[in-house]
Amino acid sequence: MSNIIKFPPKSVRDWASIERGLIDIIIEAGASQTVKERILKRMKFAFDSMQTEFTFNIPLSESTLNKNLSNDIESQLIEQIRKYTAQIFIDRLKLEIELCQAMGMINDQTK
């Protein structure tokens, strides 16, 4: 018998963290509970569609590129992809809020 503790996958933990931040933004936009749930459902779909892994092969010999430099390049690529994905995600949230405003589901607070 083993005492194995199962944790949710990383994507589930990431979504839980992101969702908390999104809720603040959505509430600040003046959304009702129904609209908040609608936006979160659509954003969860967008989040899930962005979950992928990237593999990079750098065809350089060890004599040309040492292991540390290879790891550094990989880390930089991963960070750039994360930043790009985060920006796309925030842009999507803004569009969802604008859509709800256009549909009269949220009062446009910029007017």
PDB file of N, CA and C in Angstrom:
ATOM      1  N   MET A   1       0.846  -1.176   0.000  1.00  0.00           N
ATOM      2  CA  MET A   1       0.000   0.000   0.000  1.00  0.00           C
ATOM      3  C   MET A   1       0.893   1.240   0.000  1.00  0.00           C
ATOM      4  N   SER A   2       0.596   2.140  -0.876  1.00  0.00           N
ATOM      5  CA  SER A   2       1.401   3.354  -0.943  1.00  0.00           C
ATOM      6  C   SER A   2       0.527   4.573  -0.674  1.00  0.00           C
ATOM      7  N   ASN A   3       1.155   5.570  -0.139  1.00  0.00           N
ATOM      8  CA  ASN A   3       0.465   6.828   0.143  1.00  0.00           C
ATOM      9  C   ASN A   3       0.858   7.849  -0.913  1.00  0.00           C
ATOM     10  N   ILE A   4       0.281   7.707  -2.077  1.00  0.00           N
ATOM     11  CA  ILE A   4       0.592   8.603  -3.174  1.00  0.00           C
ATOM     12  C   ILE A   4      -0.426   9.736  -3.190  1.00  0.00           C
ATOM     13  N   ILE A   5       0.097  10.927  -3.193  1.00  0.00           N
ATOM     14  CA  ILE A   5      -0.765  12.108  -3.273  1.00  0.00           C
ATOM     15  C   ILE A   5      -0.763  12.562  -4.731  1.00  0.00           C
ATOM     16  N   LYS A   6      -1.936  12.620  -5.321  1.00  0.00           N
ATOM     17  CA  LYS A   6      -2.024  13.043  -6.719  1.00  0.00           C
ATOM     18  C   LYS A   6      -2.354  14.527  -6.770  1.00  0.00           C
ATOM     19  N   PHE A   7      -1.548  15.243  -7.521  1.00  0.00           N
ATOM     20  CA  PHE A   7      -1.769  16.669  -7.726  1.00  0.00           C
ATOM     21  C   PHE A   7      -2.399  16.860  -9.096  1.00  0.00           C
ATOM     22  N   PRO A   8      -3.190  17.909  -9.246  1.00  0.00           N
ATOM     23  CA  PRO A   8      -3.737  18.152 -10.585  1.00  0.00           C
ATOM     24  C   PRO A   8      -2.615  18.481 -11.558  1.00  0.00           C
ATOM     25  N   PRO A   9      -2.840  18.225 -12.844  1.00  0.00           N
ATOM     26  CA  PRO A   9      -1.813  18.560 -13.836  1.00  0.00           C
ATOM     27  C   PRO A   9      -1.460  20.041 -13.793  1.00  0.00           C
ATOM     28  N   LYS A  10      -0.298  20.376 -14.310  1.00  0.00           N
ATOM     29  CA  LYS A  10       0.175  21.756 -14.309  1.00  0.00           C
ATOM     30  C   LYS A  10      -0.826  22.686 -14.979  1.00  0.00           C
ATOM     31  N   SER A  11      -1.432  22.261 -16.080  1.00  0.00           N
ATOM     32  CA  SER A  11      -2.380  23.131 -16.780  1.00  0.00           C
ATOM     33  C   SER A  11      -3.589  23.451 -15.909  1.00  0.00           C
ATOM     34  N   VAL A  12      -4.012  22.508 -15.068  1.00  0.00           N
ATOM     35  CA  VAL A  12      -5.144  22.753 -14.160  1.00  0.00           C
ATOM     36  C   VAL A  12      -4.738  23.762 -13.095  1.00  0.00           C
ATOM     37  N   ARG A  13      -3.550  23.604 -12.548  1.00  0.00           N
ATOM     38  CA  ARG A  13      -3.059  24.557 -11.539  1.00  0.00           C
ATOM     39  C   ARG A  13      -2.865  25.935 -12.159  1.00  0.00           C
ATOM     40  N   ASP A  14      -2.316  25.971 -13.378  1.00  0.00           N
ATOM     41  CA  ASP A  14      -2.117  27.251 -14.061  1.00  0.00           C
ATOM     42  C   ASP A  14      -3.453  27.949 -14.294  1.00  0.00           C
ATOM     43  N   TRP A  15      -4.455  27.195 -14.754  1.00  0.00           N
ATOM     44  CA  TRP A  15      -5.768  27.802 -15.019  1.00  0.00           C
ATOM     45  C   TRP A  15      -6.353  28.382 -13.730  1.00  0.00           C
ATOM     46  N   ALA A  16      -6.245  27.653 -12.627  1.00  0.00           N
ATOM     47  CA  ALA A  16      -6.799  28.134 -11.356  1.00  0.00           C
ATOM     48  C   ALA A  16      -6.178  29.478 -10.987  1.00  0.00           C
ATOM     49  N   SER A  17      -4.891  29.606 -11.186  1.00  0.00           N
ATOM     50  CA  SER A  17      -4.204  30.864 -10.883  1.00  0.00           C
ATOM     51  C   SER A  17      -4.633  31.975 -11.841  1.00  0.00           C
ATOM     52  N   ILE A  18      -4.661  31.668 -13.116  1.00  0.00           N
ATOM     53  CA  ILE A  18      -5.059  32.650 -14.124  1.00  0.00           C
ATOM     54  C   ILE A  18      -6.501  33.076 -13.926  1.00  0.00           C
ATOM     55  N   GLU A  19      -7.363  32.123 -13.627  1.00  0.00           N
ATOM     56  CA  GLU A  19      -8.790  32.418 -13.439  1.00  0.00           C
ATOM     57  C   GLU A  19      -9.002  33.448 -12.333  1.00  0.00           C
ATOM     58  N   ARG A  20      -8.238  33.325 -11.252  1.00  0.00           N
ATOM     59  CA  ARG A  20      -8.369  34.299 -10.155  1.00  0.00           C
ATOM     60  C   ARG A  20      -8.060  35.717 -10.650  1.00  0.00           C
ATOM     61  N   GLY A  21      -7.025  35.860 -11.457  1.00  0.00           N
ATOM     62  CA  GLY A  21      -6.683  37.171 -12.011  1.00  0.00           C
ATOM     63  C   GLY A  21      -7.733  37.671 -12.989  1.00  0.00           C
ATOM     64  N   LEU A  22      -8.264  36.769 -13.797  1.00  0.00           N
ATOM     65  CA  LEU A  22      -9.289  37.156 -14.768  1.00  0.00           C
ATOM     66  C   LEU A  22     -10.552  37.648 -14.070  1.00  0.00           C
ATOM     67  N   ILE A  23     -10.914  36.988 -12.993  1.00  0.00           N
ATOM     68  CA  ILE A  23     -12.132  37.371 -12.269  1.00  0.00           C
ATOM     69  C   ILE A  23     -12.040  38.826 -11.827  1.00  0.00           C
ATOM     70  N   ASP A  24     -10.889  39.226 -11.320  1.00  0.00           N
ATOM     71  CA  ASP A  24     -10.712  40.620 -10.886  1.00  0.00           C
ATOM     72  C   ASP A  24     -10.927  41.588 -12.051  1.00  0.00           C
ATOM     73  N   ILE A  25     -10.350  41.264 -13.200  1.00  0.00           N
ATOM     74  CA  ILE A  25     -10.474  42.134 -14.373  1.00  0.00           C
ATOM     75  C   ILE A  25     -11.921  42.192 -14.851  1.00  0.00           C
ATOM     76  N   ILE A  26     -12.578  41.050 -14.877  1.00  0.00           N
ATOM     77  CA  ILE A  26     -13.962  40.980 -15.358  1.00  0.00           C
ATOM     78  C   ILE A  26     -14.889  41.752 -14.424  1.00  0.00           C
ATOM     79  N   ILE A  27     -14.703  41.601 -13.129  1.00  0.00           N
ATOM     80  CA  ILE A  27     -15.530  42.330 -12.160  1.00  0.00           C
ATOM     81  C   ILE A  27     -15.282  43.830 -12.285  1.00  0.00           C
ATOM     82  N   GLU A  28     -14.015  44.206 -12.458  1.00  0.00           N
ATOM     83  CA  GLU A  28     -13.673  45.623 -12.627  1.00  0.00           C
ATOM     84  C   GLU A  28     -14.359  46.217 -13.862  1.00  0.00           C
ATOM     85  N   ALA A  29     -14.601  45.377 -14.870  1.00  0.00           N
ATOM     86  CA  ALA A  29     -15.275  45.830 -16.081  1.00  0.00           C
ATOM     87  C   ALA A  29     -16.782  46.004 -15.862  1.00  0.00           C
ATOM     88  N   GLY A  30     -17.276  45.562 -14.700  1.00  0.00           N
ATOM     89  CA  GLY A  30     -18.686  45.736 -14.381  1.00  0.00           C
ATOM     90  C   GLY A  30     -19.572  44.579 -14.783  1.00  0.00           C
ATOM     91  N   ALA A  31     -19.008  43.407 -14.952  1.00  0.00           N
ATOM     92  CA  ALA A  31     -19.780  42.248 -15.394  1.00  0.00           C
ATOM     93  C   ALA A  31     -20.606  41.659 -14.261  1.00  0.00           C
ATOM     94  N   SER A  32     -21.788  41.174 -14.618  1.00  0.00           N
ATOM     95  CA  SER A  32     -22.632  40.458 -13.665  1.00  0.00           C
ATOM     96  C   SER A  32     -22.067  39.044 -13.490  1.00  0.00           C
ATOM     97  N   GLN A  33     -22.622  38.296 -12.552  1.00  0.00           N
ATOM     98  CA  GLN A  33     -22.188  36.913 -12.317  1.00  0.00           C
ATOM     99  C   GLN A  33     -22.376  36.069 -13.581  1.00  0.00           C
ATOM    100  N   THR A  34     -23.502  36.250 -14.257  1.00  0.00           N
ATOM    101  CA  THR A  34     -23.784  35.489 -15.475  1.00  0.00           C
ATOM    102  C   THR A  34     -22.766  35.805 -16.565  1.00  0.00           C
ATOM    103  N   VAL A  35     -22.472  37.077 -16.748  1.00  0.00           N
ATOM    104  CA  VAL A  35     -21.507  37.494 -17.773  1.00  0.00           C
ATOM    105  C   VAL A  35     -20.113  37.013 -17.387  1.00  0.00           C
ATOM    106  N   LYS A  36     -19.780  37.112 -16.121  1.00  0.00           N
ATOM    107  CA  LYS A  36     -18.474  36.639 -15.645  1.00  0.00           C
ATOM    108  C   LYS A  36     -18.306  35.159 -15.982  1.00  0.00           C
ATOM    109  N   GLU A  37     -19.332  34.359 -15.699  1.00  0.00           N
ATOM    110  CA  GLU A  37     -19.258  32.929 -15.988  1.00  0.00           C
ATOM    111  C   GLU A  37     -19.130  32.670 -17.488  1.00  0.00           C
ATOM    112  N   ARG A  38     -19.847  33.463 -18.285  1.00  0.00           N
ATOM    113  CA  ARG A  38     -19.774  33.319 -19.747  1.00  0.00           C
ATOM    114  C   ARG A  38     -18.371  33.603 -20.247  1.00  0.00           C
ATOM    115  N   ILE A  39     -17.793  34.708 -19.781  1.00  0.00           N
ATOM    116  CA  ILE A  39     -16.448  35.079 -20.226  1.00  0.00           C
ATOM    117  C   ILE A  39     -15.432  34.036 -19.766  1.00  0.00           C
ATOM    118  N   LEU A  40     -15.541  33.597 -18.505  1.00  0.00           N
ATOM    119  CA  LEU A  40     -14.592  32.605 -17.991  1.00  0.00           C
ATOM    120  C   LEU A  40     -14.673  31.303 -18.786  1.00  0.00           C
ATOM    121  N   LYS A  41     -15.874  30.902 -19.152  1.00  0.00           N
ATOM    122  CA  LYS A  41     -16.037  29.674 -19.939  1.00  0.00           C
ATOM    123  C   LYS A  41     -15.335  29.817 -21.288  1.00  0.00           C
ATOM    124  N   ARG A  42     -15.518  30.962 -21.931  1.00  0.00           N
ATOM    125  CA  ARG A  42     -14.888  31.192 -23.235  1.00  0.00           C
ATOM    126  C   ARG A  42     -13.368  31.335 -23.099  1.00  0.00           C
ATOM    127  N   MET A  43     -12.912  31.951 -22.007  1.00  0.00           N
ATOM    128  CA  MET A  43     -11.476  32.104 -21.790  1.00  0.00           C
ATOM    129  C   MET A  43     -10.837  30.753 -21.453  1.00  0.00           C
ATOM    130  N   LYS A  44     -11.554  29.896 -20.757  1.00  0.00           N
ATOM    131  CA  LYS A  44     -11.038  28.551 -20.452  1.00  0.00           C
ATOM    132  C   LYS A  44     -10.830  27.785 -21.753  1.00  0.00           C
ATOM    133  N   PHE A  45     -11.772  27.932 -22.675  1.00  0.00           N
ATOM    134  CA  PHE A  45     -11.631  27.292 -23.982  1.00  0.00           C
ATOM    135  C   PHE A  45     -10.382  27.824 -24.692  1.00  0.00           C
ATOM    136  N   ALA A  46     -10.190  29.145 -24.660  1.00  0.00           N
ATOM    137  CA  ALA A  46      -9.007  29.754 -25.288  1.00  0.00           C
ATOM    138  C   ALA A  46      -7.732  29.260 -24.607  1.00  0.00           C
ATOM    139  N   PHE A  47      -7.749  29.204 -23.275  1.00  0.00           N
ATOM    140  CA  PHE A  47      -6.588  28.730 -22.517  1.00  0.00           C
ATOM    141  C   PHE A  47      -6.249  27.295 -22.905  1.00  0.00           C
ATOM    142  N   ASP A  48      -7.268  26.442 -22.925  1.00  0.00           N
ATOM    143  CA  ASP A  48      -7.039  25.034 -23.270  1.00  0.00           C
ATOM    144  C   ASP A  48      -6.481  24.879 -24.678  1.00  0.00           C
ATOM    145  N   SER A  49      -6.951  25.714 -25.592  1.00  0.00           N
ATOM    146  CA  SER A  49      -6.472  25.614 -26.973  1.00  0.00           C
ATOM    147  C   SER A  49      -5.023  26.060 -27.118  1.00  0.00           C
ATOM    148  N   MET A  50      -4.521  26.812 -26.153  1.00  0.00           N
ATOM    149  CA  MET A  50      -3.134  27.280 -26.202  1.00  0.00           C
ATOM    150  C   MET A  50      -2.163  26.325 -25.510  1.00  0.00           C
ATOM    151  N   GLN A  51      -2.671  25.273 -24.901  1.00  0.00           N
ATOM    152  CA  GLN A  51      -1.808  24.344 -24.183  1.00  0.00           C
ATOM    153  C   GLN A  51      -1.146  23.392 -25.177  1.00  0.00           C
ATOM    154  N   THR A  52       0.119  23.581 -25.363  1.00  0.00           N
ATOM    155  CA  THR A  52       0.893  22.741 -26.262  1.00  0.00           C
ATOM    156  C   THR A  52       2.333  22.744 -25.796  1.00  0.00           C
ATOM    157  N   GLU A  53       3.071  21.809 -26.268  1.00  0.00           N
ATOM    158  CA  GLU A  53       4.495  21.772 -25.963  1.00  0.00           C
ATOM    159  C   GLU A  53       5.261  22.025 -27.240  1.00  0.00           C
ATOM    160  N   PHE A  54       6.352  22.723 -27.118  1.00  0.00           N
ATOM    161  CA  PHE A  54       7.205  23.014 -28.255  1.00  0.00           C
ATOM    162  C   PHE A  54       8.519  22.273 -28.080  1.00  0.00           C
ATOM    163  N   THR A  55       9.010  21.739 -29.154  1.00  0.00           N
ATOM    164  CA  THR A  55      10.297  21.073 -29.142  1.00  0.00           C
ATOM    165  C   THR A  55      11.207  21.800 -30.119  1.00  0.00           C
ATOM    166  N   PHE A  56      12.385  22.109 -29.649  1.00  0.00           N
ATOM    167  CA  PHE A  56      13.364  22.783 -30.484  1.00  0.00           C
ATOM    168  C   PHE A  56      14.589  21.905 -30.619  1.00  0.00           C
ATOM    169  N   ASN A  57      15.003  21.694 -31.828  1.00  0.00           N
ATOM    170  CA  ASN A  57      16.245  20.970 -32.081  1.00  0.00           C
ATOM    171  C   ASN A  57      17.254  21.967 -32.616  1.00  0.00           C
ATOM    172  N   ILE A  58      18.348  22.065 -31.910  1.00  0.00           N
ATOM    173  CA  ILE A  58      19.402  22.987 -32.327  1.00  0.00           C
ATOM    174  C   ILE A  58      20.538  22.121 -32.866  1.00  0.00           C
ATOM    175  N   PRO A  59      20.674  22.050 -34.188  1.00  0.00           N
ATOM    176  CA  PRO A  59      21.654  21.141 -34.798  1.00  0.00           C
ATOM    177  C   PRO A  59      23.086  21.685 -34.766  1.00  0.00           C
ATOM    178  N   LEU A  60      23.627  21.776 -33.581  1.00  0.00           N
ATOM    179  CA  LEU A  60      25.006  22.216 -33.425  1.00  0.00           C
ATOM    180  C   LEU A  60      25.757  21.153 -32.637  1.00  0.00           C
ATOM    181  N   SER A  61      26.987  20.946 -32.969  1.00  0.00           N
ATOM    182  CA  SER A  61      27.773  19.935 -32.273  1.00  0.00           C
ATOM    183  C   SER A  61      28.185  20.439 -30.894  1.00  0.00           C
ATOM    184  N   GLU A  62      28.502  19.520 -30.017  1.00  0.00           N
ATOM    185  CA  GLU A  62      28.938  19.875 -28.661  1.00  0.00           C
ATOM    186  C   GLU A  62      30.212  20.719 -28.707  1.00  0.00           C
ATOM    187  N   SER A  63      31.039  20.501 -29.719  1.00  0.00           N
ATOM    188  CA  SER A  63      32.264  21.305 -29.799  1.00  0.00           C
ATOM    189  C   SER A  63      31.947  22.755 -30.159  1.00  0.00           C
ATOM    190  N   THR A  64      30.835  22.976 -30.856  1.00  0.00           N
ATOM    191  CA  THR A  64      30.444  24.328 -31.237  1.00  0.00           C
ATOM    192  C   THR A  64      29.627  24.997 -30.152  1.00  0.00           C
ATOM    193  N   LEU A  65      28.814  24.216 -29.474  1.00  0.00           N
ATOM    194  CA  LEU A  65      27.881  24.776 -28.504  1.00  0.00           C
ATOM    195  C   LEU A  65      27.862  23.902 -27.268  1.00  0.00           C
ATOM    196  N   ASN A  66      28.262  24.439 -26.139  1.00  0.00           N
ATOM    197  CA  ASN A  66      28.268  23.607 -24.944  1.00  0.00           C
ATOM    198  C   ASN A  66      26.847  23.457 -24.384  1.00  0.00           C
ATOM    199  N   LYS A  67      26.682  22.530 -23.485  1.00  0.00           N
ATOM    200  CA  LYS A  67      25.359  22.198 -22.934  1.00  0.00           C
ATOM    201  C   LYS A  67      24.715  23.387 -22.235  1.00  0.00           C
ATOM    202  N   ASN A  68      25.485  24.180 -21.506  1.00  0.00           N
ATOM    203  CA  ASN A  68      24.918  25.330 -20.802  1.00  0.00           C
ATOM    204  C   ASN A  68      24.338  26.356 -21.761  1.00  0.00           C
ATOM    205  N   LEU A  69      25.042  26.598 -22.845  1.00  0.00           N
ATOM    206  CA  LEU A  69      24.546  27.552 -23.836  1.00  0.00           C
ATOM    207  C   LEU A  69      23.277  27.024 -24.494  1.00  0.00           C
ATOM    208  N   SER A  70      23.243  25.731 -24.770  1.00  0.00           N
ATOM    209  CA  SER A  70      22.051  25.107 -25.348  1.00  0.00           C
ATOM    210  C   SER A  70      20.854  25.269 -24.414  1.00  0.00           C
ATOM    211  N   ASN A  71      21.059  25.043 -23.130  1.00  0.00           N
ATOM    212  CA  ASN A  71      19.983  25.218 -22.146  1.00  0.00           C
ATOM    213  C   ASN A  71      19.546  26.676 -22.055  1.00  0.00           C
ATOM    214  N   ASP A  72      20.497  27.588 -22.167  1.00  0.00           N
ATOM    215  CA  ASP A  72      20.186  29.014 -22.125  1.00  0.00           C
ATOM    216  C   ASP A  72      19.315  29.417 -23.317  1.00  0.00           C
ATOM    217  N   ILE A  73      19.665  28.935 -24.488  1.00  0.00           N
ATOM    218  CA  ILE A  73      18.878  29.233 -25.687  1.00  0.00           C
ATOM    219  C   ILE A  73      17.465  28.676 -25.533  1.00  0.00           C
ATOM    220  N   GLU A  74      17.361  27.457 -25.064  1.00  0.00           N
ATOM    221  CA  GLU A  74      16.047  26.835 -24.863  1.00  0.00           C
ATOM    222  C   GLU A  74      15.219  27.648 -23.863  1.00  0.00           C
ATOM    223  N   SER A  75      15.816  28.070 -22.774  1.00  0.00           N
ATOM    224  CA  SER A  75      15.109  28.869 -21.767  1.00  0.00           C
ATOM    225  C   SER A  75      14.618  30.190 -22.350  1.00  0.00           C
ATOM    226  N   GLN A  76      15.448  30.827 -23.147  1.00  0.00           N
ATOM    227  CA  GLN A  76      15.052  32.086 -23.764  1.00  0.00           C
ATOM    228  C   GLN A  76      13.895  31.900 -24.737  1.00  0.00           C
ATOM    229  N   LEU A  77      13.932  30.843 -25.521  1.00  0.00           N
ATOM    230  CA  LEU A  77      12.842  30.565 -26.453  1.00  0.00           C
ATOM    231  C   LEU A  77      11.539  30.305 -25.708  1.00  0.00           C
ATOM    232  N   ILE A  78      11.623  29.508 -24.670  1.00  0.00           N
ATOM    233  CA  ILE A  78      10.428  29.195 -23.883  1.00  0.00           C
ATOM    234  C   ILE A  78       9.854  30.459 -23.266  1.00  0.00           C
ATOM    235  N   GLU A  79      10.695  31.329 -22.737  1.00  0.00           N
ATOM    236  CA  GLU A  79      10.230  32.575 -22.123  1.00  0.00           C
ATOM    237  C   GLU A  79       9.560  33.478 -23.159  1.00  0.00           C
ATOM    238  N   GLN A  80      10.134  33.571 -24.345  1.00  0.00           N
ATOM    239  CA  GLN A  80       9.538  34.395 -25.396  1.00  0.00           C
ATOM    240  C   GLN A  80       8.173  33.851 -25.813  1.00  0.00           C
ATOM    241  N   ILE A  81       8.042  32.544 -25.905  1.00  0.00           N
ATOM    242  CA  ILE A  81       6.750  31.934 -26.258  1.00  0.00           C
ATOM    243  C   ILE A  81       5.730  32.195 -25.157  1.00  0.00           C
ATOM    244  N   ARG A  82       6.142  32.092 -23.907  1.00  0.00           N
ATOM    245  CA  ARG A  82       5.225  32.371 -22.785  1.00  0.00           C
ATOM    246  C   ARG A  82       4.723  33.814 -22.827  1.00  0.00           C
ATOM    247  N   LYS A  83       5.627  34.750 -23.061  1.00  0.00           N
ATOM    248  CA  LYS A  83       5.230  36.164 -23.126  1.00  0.00           C
ATOM    249  C   LYS A  83       4.253  36.397 -24.267  1.00  0.00           C
ATOM    250  N   TYR A  84       4.539  35.814 -25.410  1.00  0.00           N
ATOM    251  CA  TYR A  84       3.677  35.974 -26.575  1.00  0.00           C
ATOM    252  C   TYR A  84       2.295  35.378 -26.308  1.00  0.00           C
ATOM    253  N   THR A  85       2.261  34.188 -25.738  1.00  0.00           N
ATOM    254  CA  THR A  85       0.993  33.532 -25.425  1.00  0.00           C
ATOM    255  C   THR A  85       0.211  34.335 -24.396  1.00  0.00           C
ATOM    256  N   ALA A  86       0.882  34.873 -23.397  1.00  0.00           N
ATOM    257  CA  ALA A  86       0.198  35.683 -22.379  1.00  0.00           C
ATOM    258  C   ALA A  86      -0.434  36.916 -23.011  1.00  0.00           C
ATOM    259  N   GLN A  87       0.274  37.556 -23.934  1.00  0.00           N
ATOM    260  CA  GLN A  87      -0.271  38.739 -24.599  1.00  0.00           C
ATOM    261  C   GLN A  87      -1.492  38.381 -25.436  1.00  0.00           C
ATOM    262  N   ILE A  88      -1.426  37.281 -26.160  1.00  0.00           N
ATOM    263  CA  ILE A  88      -2.576  36.823 -26.954  1.00  0.00           C
ATOM    264  C   ILE A  88      -3.766  36.569 -26.035  1.00  0.00           C
ATOM    265  N   PHE A  89      -3.510  35.966 -24.894  1.00  0.00           N
ATOM    266  CA  PHE A  89      -4.577  35.628 -23.950  1.00  0.00           C
ATOM    267  C   PHE A  89      -5.238  36.886 -23.399  1.00  0.00           C
ATOM    268  N   ILE A  90      -4.442  37.883 -23.022  1.00  0.00           N
ATOM    269  CA  ILE A  90      -4.989  39.146 -22.510  1.00  0.00           C
ATOM    270  C   ILE A  90      -5.771  39.870 -23.593  1.00  0.00           C
ATOM    271  N   ASP A  91      -5.248  39.847 -24.822  1.00  0.00           N
ATOM    272  CA  ASP A  91      -5.979  40.465 -25.934  1.00  0.00           C
ATOM    273  C   ASP A  91      -7.333  39.786 -26.131  1.00  0.00           C
ATOM    274  N   ARG A  92      -7.367  38.475 -25.965  1.00  0.00           N
ATOM    275  CA  ARG A  92      -8.628  37.737 -26.095  1.00  0.00           C
ATOM    276  C   ARG A  92      -9.596  38.153 -24.993  1.00  0.00           C
ATOM    277  N   LEU A  93      -9.106  38.321 -23.778  1.00  0.00           N
ATOM    278  CA  LEU A  93      -9.962  38.751 -22.671  1.00  0.00           C
ATOM    279  C   LEU A  93     -10.564  40.113 -22.979  1.00  0.00           C
ATOM    280  N   LYS A  94      -9.754  41.030 -23.481  1.00  0.00           N
ATOM    281  CA  LYS A  94     -10.262  42.364 -23.825  1.00  0.00           C
ATOM    282  C   LYS A  94     -11.373  42.263 -24.871  1.00  0.00           C
ATOM    283  N   LEU A  95     -11.179  41.397 -25.863  1.00  0.00           N
ATOM    284  CA  LEU A  95     -12.213  41.214 -26.887  1.00  0.00           C
ATOM    285  C   LEU A  95     -13.495  40.634 -26.311  1.00  0.00           C
ATOM    286  N   GLU A  96     -13.366  39.699 -25.390  1.00  0.00           N
ATOM    287  CA  GLU A  96     -14.549  39.108 -24.758  1.00  0.00           C
ATOM    288  C   GLU A  96     -15.327  40.177 -23.985  1.00  0.00           C
ATOM    289  N   ILE A  97     -14.612  41.031 -23.277  1.00  0.00           N
ATOM    290  CA  ILE A  97     -15.268  42.102 -22.520  1.00  0.00           C
ATOM    291  C   ILE A  97     -15.933  43.087 -23.480  1.00  0.00           C
ATOM    292  N   GLU A  98     -15.228  43.465 -24.547  1.00  0.00           N
ATOM    293  CA  GLU A  98     -15.815  44.369 -25.540  1.00  0.00           C
ATOM    294  C   GLU A  98     -17.056  43.758 -26.184  1.00  0.00           C
ATOM    295  N   LEU A  99     -17.018  42.475 -26.458  1.00  0.00           N
ATOM    296  CA  LEU A  99     -18.177  41.790 -27.036  1.00  0.00           C
ATOM    297  C   LEU A  99     -19.370  41.877 -26.094  1.00  0.00           C
ATOM    298  N   CYS A 100     -19.138  41.619 -24.826  1.00  0.00           N
ATOM    299  CA  CYS A 100     -20.224  41.706 -23.843  1.00  0.00           C
ATOM    300  C   CYS A 100     -20.744  43.137 -23.728  1.00  0.00           C
ATOM    301  N   GLN A 101     -19.859  44.120 -23.818  1.00  0.00           N
ATOM    302  CA  GLN A 101     -20.286  45.516 -23.795  1.00  0.00           C
ATOM    303  C   GLN A 101     -21.134  45.829 -25.018  1.00  0.00           C
ATOM    304  N   ALA A 102     -20.703  45.361 -26.185  1.00  0.00           N
ATOM    305  CA  ALA A 102     -21.449  45.620 -27.420  1.00  0.00           C
ATOM    306  C   ALA A 102     -22.822  44.955 -27.391  1.00  0.00           C
ATOM    307  N   MET A 103     -22.914  43.831 -26.690  1.00  0.00           N
ATOM    308  CA  MET A 103     -24.186  43.116 -26.587  1.00  0.00           C
ATOM    309  C   MET A 103     -25.063  43.685 -25.469  1.00  0.00           C
ATOM    310  N   GLY A 104     -24.530  44.700 -24.767  1.00  0.00           N
ATOM    311  CA  GLY A 104     -25.283  45.314 -23.676  1.00  0.00           C
ATOM    312  C   GLY A 104     -25.282  44.504 -22.405  1.00  0.00           C
ATOM    313  N   MET A 105     -24.388  43.547 -22.299  1.00  0.00           N
ATOM    314  CA  MET A 105     -24.308  42.697 -21.110  1.00  0.00           C
ATOM    315  C   MET A 105     -23.471  43.343 -20.003  1.00  0.00           C
ATOM    316  N   ILE A 106     -22.614  44.280 -20.393  1.00  0.00           N
ATOM    317  CA  ILE A 106     -21.776  45.030 -19.460  1.00  0.00           C
ATOM    318  C   ILE A 106     -21.888  46.501 -19.861  1.00  0.00           C
ATOM    319  N   ASN A 107     -22.016  47.367 -18.885  1.00  0.00           N
ATOM    320  CA  ASN A 107     -22.012  48.801 -19.178  1.00  0.00           C
ATOM    321  C   ASN A 107     -20.601  49.221 -19.547  1.00  0.00           C
ATOM    322  N   ASP A 108     -20.463  49.953 -20.631  1.00  0.00           N
ATOM    323  CA  ASP A 108     -19.165  50.473 -21.062  1.00  0.00           C
ATOM    324  C   ASP A 108     -18.774  51.602 -20.121  1.00  0.00           C
ATOM    325  N   GLN A 109     -17.763  51.378 -19.294  1.00  0.00           N
ATOM    326  CA  GLN A 109     -17.371  52.355 -18.274  1.00  0.00           C
ATOM    327  C   GLN A 109     -16.488  53.467 -18.837  1.00  0.00           C
ATOM    328  N   THR A 110     -16.164  53.409 -20.146  1.00  0.00           N
ATOM    329  CA  THR A 110     -15.334  54.446 -20.742  1.00  0.00           C
ATOM    330  C   THR A 110     -16.176  55.612 -21.235  1.00  0.00           C
ATOM    331  N   LYS A 111     -17.494  55.466 -21.247  1.00  0.00           N
ATOM    332  CA  LYS A 111     -18.370  56.523 -21.746  1.00  0.00           C
ATOM    333  C   LYS A 111     -18.745  57.484 -20.652  1.00  0.00           C
TER     334      LYS A 111
END
